[in-house]
PDB file of all heavy atoms in Angstrom:
ATOM      1  N   THR A   1     -45.804  48.738  40.155  1.00  0.00           N
ATOM      2  CA  THR A   1     -45.129  49.126  38.912  1.00  0.00           C
ATOM      3  C   THR A   1     -44.237  50.332  39.146  1.00  0.00           C
ATOM      4  O   THR A   1     -43.125  50.411  38.606  1.00  0.00           O
ATOM      5  CB  THR A   1     -46.159  49.430  37.808  1.00  0.00           C
ATOM      6  OG1 THR A   1     -46.966  48.269  37.582  1.00  0.00           O
ATOM      7  CG2 THR A   1     -45.482  49.820  36.504  1.00  0.00           C
ATOM      8  N   ARG A   2     -44.702  51.274  39.957  1.00  0.00           N
ATOM      9  CA  ARG A   2     -43.885  52.445  40.296  1.00  0.00           C
ATOM     10  C   ARG A   2     -42.602  52.024  41.001  1.00  0.00           C
ATOM     11  O   ARG A   2     -41.509  52.496  40.685  1.00  0.00           O
ATOM     12  CB  ARG A   2     -44.676  53.399  41.195  1.00  0.00           C
ATOM     13  CG  ARG A   2     -45.841  54.100  40.500  1.00  0.00           C
ATOM     14  CD  ARG A   2     -46.632  54.940  41.491  1.00  0.00           C
ATOM     15  NE  ARG A   2     -47.764  55.607  40.858  1.00  0.00           N
ATOM     16  CZ  ARG A   2     -48.037  56.904  40.983  1.00  0.00           C
ATOM     17  NH1 ARG A   2     -47.258  57.685  41.721  1.00  0.00           N
ATOM     18  NH2 ARG A   2     -49.086  57.433  40.390  1.00  0.00           N
ATOM     19  N   MET A   3     -42.741  51.135  41.972  1.00  0.00           N
ATOM     20  CA  MET A   3     -41.569  50.700  42.726  1.00  0.00           C
ATOM     21  C   MET A   3     -40.623  49.874  41.851  1.00  0.00           C
ATOM     22  O   MET A   3     -39.400  50.020  41.931  1.00  0.00           O
ATOM     23  CB  MET A   3     -42.003  49.876  43.941  1.00  0.00           C
ATOM     24  CG  MET A   3     -42.843  50.649  44.962  1.00  0.00           C
ATOM     25  SD  MET A   3     -41.962  52.056  45.704  1.00  0.00           S
ATOM     26  CE  MET A   3     -42.611  53.438  44.718  1.00  0.00           C
ATOM     27  N   LYS A   4     -41.183  49.019  40.998  1.00  0.00           N
ATOM     28  CA  LYS A   4     -40.358  48.224  40.085  1.00  0.00           C
ATOM     29  C   LYS A   4     -39.600  49.131  39.120  1.00  0.00           C
ATOM     30  O   LYS A   4     -38.467  48.843  38.743  1.00  0.00           O
ATOM     31  CB  LYS A   4     -41.229  47.244  39.303  1.00  0.00           C
ATOM     32  CG  LYS A   4     -40.442  46.253  38.458  1.00  0.00           C
ATOM     33  CD  LYS A   4     -41.352  45.244  37.792  1.00  0.00           C
ATOM     34  CE  LYS A   4     -40.529  44.249  36.966  1.00  0.00           C
ATOM     35  NZ  LYS A   4     -41.402  43.260  36.291  1.00  0.00           N
ATOM     36  N   ASN A   5     -40.220  50.242  38.746  1.00  0.00           N
ATOM     37  CA  ASN A   5     -39.601  51.197  37.839  1.00  0.00           C
ATOM     38  C   ASN A   5     -38.359  51.838  38.450  1.00  0.00           C
ATOM     39  O   ASN A   5     -37.492  52.335  37.730  1.00  0.00           O
ATOM     40  CB  ASN A   5     -40.618  52.269  37.452  1.00  0.00           C
ATOM     41  CG  ASN A   5     -40.197  53.092  36.259  1.00  0.00           C
ATOM     42  OD1 ASN A   5     -40.327  54.309  36.248  1.00  0.00           O
ATOM     43  ND2 ASN A   5     -39.665  52.443  35.232  1.00  0.00           N
ATOM     44  N   LEU A   6     -38.252  51.803  39.776  1.00  0.00           N
ATOM     45  CA  LEU A   6     -37.093  52.367  40.472  1.00  0.00           C
ATOM     46  C   LEU A   6     -36.068  51.308  40.864  1.00  0.00           C
ATOM     47  O   LEU A   6     -35.039  51.631  41.451  1.00  0.00           O
ATOM     48  CB  LEU A   6     -37.561  53.113  41.726  1.00  0.00           C
ATOM     49  CG  LEU A   6     -38.244  54.466  41.474  1.00  0.00           C
ATOM     50  CD1 LEU A   6     -39.036  54.914  42.703  1.00  0.00           C
ATOM     51  CD2 LEU A   6     -37.211  55.518  41.092  1.00  0.00           C
ATOM     52  N   SER A   7     -36.335  50.048  40.529  1.00  0.00           N
ATOM     53  CA  SER A   7     -35.497  48.950  41.011  1.00  0.00           C
ATOM     54  C   SER A   7     -34.146  48.844  40.310  1.00  0.00           C
ATOM     55  O   SER A   7     -33.256  48.140  40.794  1.00  0.00           O
ATOM     56  CB  SER A   7     -36.249  47.619  40.871  1.00  0.00           C
ATOM     57  OG  SER A   7     -36.479  47.305  39.505  1.00  0.00           O
ATOM     58  N   LYS A   8     -33.987  49.519  39.156  1.00  0.00           N
ATOM     59  CA  LYS A   8     -32.706  49.458  38.431  1.00  0.00           C
ATOM     60  C   LYS A   8     -31.798  50.655  38.738  1.00  0.00           C
ATOM     61  O   LYS A   8     -30.698  50.746  38.204  1.00  0.00           O
ATOM     62  CB  LYS A   8     -32.966  49.414  36.923  1.00  0.00           C
ATOM     63  CG  LYS A   8     -33.761  48.219  36.444  1.00  0.00           C
ATOM     64  CD  LYS A   8     -33.994  48.311  34.940  1.00  0.00           C
ATOM     65  CE  LYS A   8     -34.872  47.176  34.444  1.00  0.00           C
ATOM     66  NZ  LYS A   8     -35.118  47.286  32.976  1.00  0.00           N
ATOM     67  N   ILE A   9     -32.247  51.556  39.576  1.00  0.00           N
ATOM     68  CA  ILE A   9     -31.533  52.812  39.783  1.00  0.00           C
ATOM     69  C   ILE A   9     -30.267  52.630  40.605  1.00  0.00           C
ATOM     70  O   ILE A   9     -29.206  53.141  40.269  1.00  0.00           O
ATOM     71  CB  ILE A   9     -32.456  53.850  40.459  1.00  0.00           C
ATOM     72  CG1 ILE A   9     -33.622  54.197  39.533  1.00  0.00           C
ATOM     73  CG2 ILE A   9     -31.677  55.099  40.836  1.00  0.00           C
ATOM     74  CD1 ILE A   9     -33.202  54.808  38.206  1.00  0.00           C
ATOM     75  N   THR A  10     -30.363  51.917  41.704  1.00  0.00           N
ATOM     76  CA  THR A  10     -29.204  51.756  42.583  1.00  0.00           C
ATOM     77  C   THR A  10     -29.356  50.501  43.427  1.00  0.00           C
ATOM     78  O   THR A  10     -30.473  50.084  43.750  1.00  0.00           O
ATOM     79  CB  THR A  10     -29.030  52.968  43.506  1.00  0.00           C
ATOM     80  OG1 THR A  10     -27.905  52.740  44.372  1.00  0.00           O
ATOM     81  CG2 THR A  10     -30.263  53.208  44.362  1.00  0.00           C
ATOM     82  N   HIS A  11     -28.227  49.909  43.793  1.00  0.00           N
ATOM     83  CA  HIS A  11     -28.220  48.757  44.688  1.00  0.00           C
ATOM     84  C   HIS A  11     -27.886  49.188  46.118  1.00  0.00           C
ATOM     85  O   HIS A  11     -27.833  48.343  47.020  1.00  0.00           O
ATOM     86  CB  HIS A  11     -27.177  47.738  44.228  1.00  0.00           C
ATOM     87  CG  HIS A  11     -25.776  48.274  44.267  1.00  0.00           C
ATOM     88  ND1 HIS A  11     -25.289  49.176  43.338  1.00  0.00           N
ATOM     89  CD2 HIS A  11     -24.749  48.052  45.141  1.00  0.00           C
ATOM     90  CE1 HIS A  11     -24.040  49.474  43.628  1.00  0.00           C
ATOM     91  NE2 HIS A  11     -23.685  48.822  44.713  1.00  0.00           N
ATOM     92  N   LYS A  12     -27.691  50.489  46.323  1.00  0.00           N
ATOM     93  CA  LYS A  12     -27.233  50.978  47.626  1.00  0.00           C
ATOM     94  C   LYS A  12     -28.422  51.288  48.540  1.00  0.00           C
ATOM     95  O   LYS A  12     -29.291  52.091  48.213  1.00  0.00           O
ATOM     96  CB  LYS A  12     -26.349  52.217  47.443  1.00  0.00           C
ATOM     97  CG  LYS A  12     -25.057  51.895  46.701  1.00  0.00           C
ATOM     98  CD  LYS A  12     -24.108  53.070  46.658  1.00  0.00           C
ATOM     99  CE  LYS A  12     -22.777  52.661  46.016  1.00  0.00           C
ATOM    100  NZ  LYS A  12     -21.823  53.779  45.955  1.00  0.00           N
ATOM    101  N   LYS A  13     -28.391  50.674  49.695  1.00  0.00           N
ATOM    102  CA  LYS A  13     -29.516  50.756  50.621  1.00  0.00           C
ATOM    103  C   LYS A  13     -29.742  52.166  51.137  1.00  0.00           C
ATOM    104  O   LYS A  13     -30.884  52.583  51.358  1.00  0.00           O
ATOM    105  CB  LYS A  13     -29.277  49.802  51.799  1.00  0.00           C
ATOM    106  CG  LYS A  13     -30.549  49.265  52.439  1.00  0.00           C
ATOM    107  CD  LYS A  13     -30.231  48.091  53.341  1.00  0.00           C
ATOM    108  CE  LYS A  13     -31.521  47.426  53.813  1.00  0.00           C
ATOM    109  NZ  LYS A  13     -31.247  46.212  54.624  1.00  0.00           N
ATOM    110  N   ASP A  14     -28.647  52.924  51.345  1.00  0.00           N
ATOM    111  CA  ASP A  14     -28.801  54.290  51.860  1.00  0.00           C
ATOM    112  C   ASP A  14     -29.523  55.177  50.843  1.00  0.00           C
ATOM    113  O   ASP A  14     -30.340  56.025  51.224  1.00  0.00           O
ATOM    114  CB  ASP A  14     -27.441  54.887  52.217  1.00  0.00           C
ATOM    115  CG  ASP A  14     -26.552  55.099  50.992  1.00  0.00           C
ATOM    116  OD1 ASP A  14     -26.367  54.128  50.222  1.00  0.00           O
ATOM    117  OD2 ASP A  14     -26.051  56.226  50.789  1.00  0.00           O
ATOM    118  N   MET A  15     -29.249  54.972  49.554  1.00  0.00           N
ATOM    119  CA  MET A  15     -29.924  55.753  48.520  1.00  0.00           C
ATOM    120  C   MET A  15     -31.401  55.379  48.442  1.00  0.00           C
ATOM    121  O   MET A  15     -32.264  56.250  48.285  1.00  0.00           O
ATOM    122  CB  MET A  15     -29.252  55.531  47.162  1.00  0.00           C
ATOM    123  CG  MET A  15     -27.863  56.115  47.036  1.00  0.00           C
ATOM    124  SD  MET A  15     -27.180  55.930  45.366  1.00  0.00           S
ATOM    125  CE  MET A  15     -28.282  56.996  44.430  1.00  0.00           C
ATOM    126  N   ILE A  16     -31.679  54.097  48.545  1.00  0.00           N
ATOM    127  CA  ILE A  16     -33.071  53.642  48.497  1.00  0.00           C
ATOM    128  C   ILE A  16     -33.847  54.178  49.693  1.00  0.00           C
ATOM    129  O   ILE A  16     -35.033  54.517  49.587  1.00  0.00           O
ATOM    130  CB  ILE A  16     -33.125  52.100  48.428  1.00  0.00           C
ATOM    131  CG1 ILE A  16     -32.578  51.644  47.078  1.00  0.00           C
ATOM    132  CG2 ILE A  16     -34.543  51.577  48.631  1.00  0.00           C
ATOM    133  CD1 ILE A  16     -32.433  50.153  46.921  1.00  0.00           C
ATOM    134  N   ALA A  17     -33.181  54.303  50.838  1.00  0.00           N
ATOM    135  CA  ALA A  17     -33.829  54.879  52.020  1.00  0.00           C
ATOM    136  C   ALA A  17     -34.217  56.336  51.761  1.00  0.00           C
ATOM    137  O   ALA A  17     -35.319  56.770  52.121  1.00  0.00           O
ATOM    138  CB  ALA A  17     -32.904  54.767  53.228  1.00  0.00           C
ATOM    139  N   VAL A  18     -33.313  57.099  51.147  1.00  0.00           N
ATOM    140  CA  VAL A  18     -33.603  58.503  50.829  1.00  0.00           C
ATOM    141  C   VAL A  18     -34.734  58.591  49.810  1.00  0.00           C
ATOM    142  O   VAL A  18     -35.669  59.394  49.953  1.00  0.00           O
ATOM    143  CB  VAL A  18     -32.344  59.221  50.296  1.00  0.00           C
ATOM    144  CG1 VAL A  18     -32.683  60.649  49.849  1.00  0.00           C
ATOM    145  CG2 VAL A  18     -31.267  59.257  51.371  1.00  0.00           C
ATOM    146  N   MET A  19     -34.665  57.778  48.770  1.00  0.00           N
ATOM    147  CA  MET A  19     -35.691  57.778  47.738  1.00  0.00           C
ATOM    148  C   MET A  19     -37.049  57.394  48.321  1.00  0.00           C
ATOM    149  O   MET A  19     -38.080  57.997  47.982  1.00  0.00           O
ATOM    150  CB  MET A  19     -35.295  56.821  46.608  1.00  0.00           C
ATOM    151  CG  MET A  19     -34.095  57.287  45.792  1.00  0.00           C
ATOM    152  SD  MET A  19     -33.315  55.984  44.794  1.00  0.00           S
ATOM    153  CE  MET A  19     -34.654  55.589  43.680  1.00  0.00           C
ATOM    154  N   SER A  20     -37.058  56.413  49.200  1.00  0.00           N
ATOM    155  CA  SER A  20     -38.308  55.966  49.835  1.00  0.00           C
ATOM    156  C   SER A  20     -38.910  57.065  50.696  1.00  0.00           C
ATOM    157  O   SER A  20     -40.126  57.293  50.682  1.00  0.00           O
ATOM    158  CB  SER A  20     -38.051  54.723  50.697  1.00  0.00           C
ATOM    159  OG  SER A  20     -37.557  53.668  49.926  1.00  0.00           O
ATOM    160  N   ASN A  21     -38.055  57.749  51.452  1.00  0.00           N
ATOM    161  CA  ASN A  21     -38.519  58.844  52.300  1.00  0.00           C
ATOM    162  C   ASN A  21     -39.150  59.947  51.464  1.00  0.00           C
ATOM    163  O   ASN A  21     -40.230  60.462  51.788  1.00  0.00           O
ATOM    164  CB  ASN A  21     -37.344  59.385  53.116  1.00  0.00           C
ATOM    165  CG  ASN A  21     -37.711  60.586  53.956  1.00  0.00           C
ATOM    166  OD1 ASN A  21     -37.513  61.737  53.538  1.00  0.00           O
ATOM    167  ND2 ASN A  21     -38.266  60.354  55.136  1.00  0.00           N
ATOM    168  N   GLU A  22     -38.488  60.319  50.354  1.00  0.00           N
ATOM    169  CA  GLU A  22     -39.000  61.398  49.500  1.00  0.00           C
ATOM    170  C   GLU A  22     -40.267  60.960  48.768  1.00  0.00           C
ATOM    171  O   GLU A  22     -41.224  61.736  48.661  1.00  0.00           O
ATOM    172  CB  GLU A  22     -37.922  61.820  48.496  1.00  0.00           C
ATOM    173  CG  GLU A  22     -38.258  63.075  47.705  1.00  0.00           C
ATOM    174  CD  GLU A  22     -38.380  64.313  48.574  1.00  0.00           C
ATOM    175  OE1 GLU A  22     -37.729  64.368  49.643  1.00  0.00           O
ATOM    176  OE2 GLU A  22     -39.139  65.235  48.180  1.00  0.00           O
ATOM    177  N   TYR A  23     -40.286  59.722  48.277  1.00  0.00           N
ATOM    178  CA  TYR A  23     -41.463  59.235  47.546  1.00  0.00           C
ATOM    179  C   TYR A  23     -42.672  59.160  48.481  1.00  0.00           C
ATOM    180  O   TYR A  23     -43.801  59.445  48.077  1.00  0.00           O
ATOM    181  CB  TYR A  23     -41.181  57.863  46.925  1.00  0.00           C
ATOM    182  CG  TYR A  23     -41.997  57.588  45.672  1.00  0.00           C
ATOM    183  CD1 TYR A  23     -41.436  57.761  44.407  1.00  0.00           C
ATOM    184  CD2 TYR A  23     -43.326  57.164  45.749  1.00  0.00           C
ATOM    185  CE1 TYR A  23     -42.165  57.526  43.256  1.00  0.00           C
ATOM    186  CE2 TYR A  23     -44.065  56.931  44.604  1.00  0.00           C
ATOM    187  CZ  TYR A  23     -43.481  57.114  43.361  1.00  0.00           C
ATOM    188  OH  TYR A  23     -44.230  56.890  42.224  1.00  0.00           O
ATOM    189  N   ALA A  24     -42.434  58.795  49.741  1.00  0.00           N
ATOM    190  CA  ALA A  24     -43.520  58.732  50.719  1.00  0.00           C
ATOM    191  C   ALA A  24     -44.106  60.122  50.958  1.00  0.00           C
ATOM    192  O   ALA A  24     -45.332  60.284  51.060  1.00  0.00           O
ATOM    193  CB  ALA A  24     -43.007  58.138  52.033  1.00  0.00           C
ATOM    194  N   LYS A  25     -43.246  61.125  51.041  1.00  0.00           N
ATOM    195  CA  LYS A  25     -43.724  62.505  51.227  1.00  0.00           C
ATOM    196  C   LYS A  25     -44.576  62.948  50.042  1.00  0.00           C
ATOM    197  O   LYS A  25     -45.635  63.569  50.217  1.00  0.00           O
ATOM    198  CB  LYS A  25     -42.538  63.457  51.377  1.00  0.00           C
ATOM    199  CG  LYS A  25     -41.732  63.288  52.656  1.00  0.00           C
ATOM    200  CD  LYS A  25     -40.545  64.256  52.646  1.00  0.00           C
ATOM    201  CE  LYS A  25     -39.682  64.093  53.885  1.00  0.00           C
ATOM    202  NZ  LYS A  25     -38.503  64.992  53.850  1.00  0.00           N
ATOM    203  N   LEU A  26     -44.123  62.621  48.837  1.00  0.00           N
ATOM    204  CA  LEU A  26     -44.817  63.066  47.634  1.00  0.00           C
ATOM    205  C   LEU A  26     -46.143  62.355  47.423  1.00  0.00           C
ATOM    206  O   LEU A  26     -47.107  62.941  46.923  1.00  0.00           O
ATOM    207  CB  LEU A  26     -43.916  62.839  46.409  1.00  0.00           C
ATOM    208  CG  LEU A  26     -42.599  63.627  46.382  1.00  0.00           C
ATOM    209  CD1 LEU A  26     -41.645  63.062  45.338  1.00  0.00           C
ATOM    210  CD2 LEU A  26     -42.877  65.103  46.099  1.00  0.00           C
TER     211      LEU A  26
END
């Protein structure tokens, strides 16, 4: 549900990579 909640934010893979890296740290 958390990941689905972020699925409308951007279609750009580079942004999703940054978001994934930060979410993993948190």
